[in-house]
């Protein structure tokens, strides 16, 4: 599983993803995400890599330090 940035153009992908969700309700947005996950998983194809990705995504994310002034 790759854990370092591997995007050719992450900003463009993020914009495309936001555009795809524009105007969708919650249920439609969740279905779009599910279809996208399955399409991307098919591109990866390797069951072991996919299992590692699922495990990594399920890990709790560390809290971000607050940057606000006290």
C-alpha atoms as a PDB file:
ATOM      1  CA  UNK A   1       0.000   0.000   0.000  1.00  0.00           C
ATOM      2  CA  UNK A   2       1.362   3.393  -0.963  1.00  0.00           C
ATOM      3  CA  UNK A   3       1.333   5.858   1.906  1.00  0.00           C
ATOM      4  CA  UNK A   4       3.165   8.761   0.281  1.00  0.00           C
ATOM      5  CA  UNK A   5       1.435  11.234  -2.008  1.00  0.00           C
ATOM      6  CA  UNK A   6       1.064   9.590  -5.419  1.00  0.00           C
ATOM      7  CA  UNK A   7      -1.342  11.992  -7.166  1.00  0.00           C
ATOM      8  CA  UNK A   8      -0.374  13.594 -10.447  1.00  0.00           C
ATOM      9  CA  UNK A   9      -2.700  16.505  -9.637  1.00  0.00           C
ATOM     10  CA  UNK A  10      -4.458  16.138  -6.289  1.00  0.00           C
ATOM     11  CA  UNK A  11      -6.081  19.578  -6.407  1.00  0.00           C
ATOM     12  CA  UNK A  12      -7.747  18.887  -9.761  1.00  0.00           C
ATOM     13  CA  UNK A  13      -9.020  15.507  -8.546  1.00  0.00           C
ATOM     14  CA  UNK A  14     -10.450  17.115  -5.403  1.00  0.00           C
ATOM     15  CA  UNK A  15     -12.230  19.753  -7.492  1.00  0.00           C
ATOM     16  CA  UNK A  16     -13.633  17.061  -9.792  1.00  0.00           C
ATOM     17  CA  UNK A  17     -14.880  15.149  -6.766  1.00  0.00           C
ATOM     18  CA  UNK A  18     -16.555  18.234  -5.302  1.00  0.00           C
ATOM     19  CA  UNK A  19     -18.111  19.055  -8.685  1.00  0.00           C
ATOM     20  CA  UNK A  20     -19.500  15.525  -8.975  1.00  0.00           C
ATOM     21  CA  UNK A  21     -21.277  15.967  -5.618  1.00  0.00           C
ATOM     22  CA  UNK A  22     -22.682  19.392  -6.494  1.00  0.00           C
ATOM     23  CA  UNK A  23     -26.470  19.434  -6.208  1.00  0.00           C
ATOM     24  CA  UNK A  24     -26.753  15.883  -4.857  1.00  0.00           C
ATOM     25  CA  UNK A  25     -28.659  14.973  -1.746  1.00  0.00           C
ATOM     26  CA  UNK A  26     -27.004  12.971   1.018  1.00  0.00           C
ATOM     27  CA  UNK A  27     -28.212   9.595  -0.290  1.00  0.00           C
ATOM     28  CA  UNK A  28     -27.163  10.383  -3.861  1.00  0.00           C
ATOM     29  CA  UNK A  29     -23.790  11.608  -2.634  1.00  0.00           C
ATOM     30  CA  UNK A  30     -23.241   8.424  -0.639  1.00  0.00           C
ATOM     31  CA  UNK A  31     -24.126   6.325  -3.706  1.00  0.00           C
ATOM     32  CA  UNK A  32     -21.673   8.308  -5.817  1.00  0.00           C
ATOM     33  CA  UNK A  33     -18.961   7.663  -3.206  1.00  0.00           C
ATOM     34  CA  UNK A  34     -19.789   3.945  -3.129  1.00  0.00           C
ATOM     35  CA  UNK A  35     -19.613   3.670  -6.933  1.00  0.00           C
ATOM     36  CA  UNK A  36     -16.344   5.613  -6.986  1.00  0.00           C
ATOM     37  CA  UNK A  37     -14.832   3.372  -4.301  1.00  0.00           C
ATOM     38  CA  UNK A  38     -15.761   0.261  -6.287  1.00  0.00           C
ATOM     39  CA  UNK A  39     -14.380   1.700  -9.536  1.00  0.00           C
ATOM     40  CA  UNK A  40     -11.105   2.692  -7.857  1.00  0.00           C
ATOM     41  CA  UNK A  41     -10.863  -0.682  -6.090  1.00  0.00           C
ATOM     42  CA  UNK A  42     -11.242  -2.355  -9.476  1.00  0.00           C
ATOM     43  CA  UNK A  43      -8.340  -0.261 -10.770  1.00  0.00           C
ATOM     44  CA  UNK A  44      -6.156  -1.352  -7.832  1.00  0.00           C
ATOM     45  CA  UNK A  45      -7.251  -4.947  -8.245  1.00  0.00           C
ATOM     46  CA  UNK A  46      -4.935  -6.448  -5.625  1.00  0.00           C
ATOM     47  CA  UNK A  47      -6.990  -7.958  -2.777  1.00  0.00           C
ATOM     48  CA  UNK A  48      -4.169  -7.659  -0.238  1.00  0.00           C
ATOM     49  CA  UNK A  49      -3.586  -3.973  -1.041  1.00  0.00           C
ATOM     50  CA  UNK A  50      -7.318  -3.295  -0.849  1.00  0.00           C
ATOM     51  CA  UNK A  51      -7.519  -5.024   2.560  1.00  0.00           C
ATOM     52  CA  UNK A  52      -4.592  -2.907   3.803  1.00  0.00           C
ATOM     53  CA  UNK A  53      -6.330   0.232   2.561  1.00  0.00           C
ATOM     54  CA  UNK A  54      -9.573  -0.685   4.324  1.00  0.00           C
ATOM     55  CA  UNK A  55      -7.696  -1.316   7.573  1.00  0.00           C
ATOM     56  CA  UNK A  56      -5.771   1.956   7.258  1.00  0.00           C
ATOM     57  CA  UNK A  57      -8.928   3.951   6.501  1.00  0.00           C
ATOM     58  CA  UNK A  58     -10.670   2.446   9.539  1.00  0.00           C
ATOM     59  CA  UNK A  59      -7.963   3.588  11.968  1.00  0.00           C
ATOM     60  CA  UNK A  60      -8.905   6.532  14.171  1.00  0.00           C
ATOM     61  CA  UNK A  61      -7.367   9.752  12.963  1.00  0.00           C
ATOM     62  CA  UNK A  62      -5.143  11.615  15.432  1.00  0.00           C
ATOM     63  CA  UNK A  63      -6.562  14.869  16.734  1.00  0.00           C
ATOM     64  CA  UNK A  64      -5.211  17.928  14.997  1.00  0.00           C
ATOM     65  CA  UNK A  65      -3.554  20.470  17.274  1.00  0.00           C
ATOM     66  CA  UNK A  66      -5.539  23.663  17.624  1.00  0.00           C
ATOM     67  CA  UNK A  67      -3.934  26.674  16.031  1.00  0.00           C
ATOM     68  CA  UNK A  68      -6.127  29.259  17.729  1.00  0.00           C
ATOM     69  CA  UNK A  69      -4.707  31.731  20.215  1.00  0.00           C
ATOM     70  CA  UNK A  70      -5.543  31.186  23.884  1.00  0.00           C
END
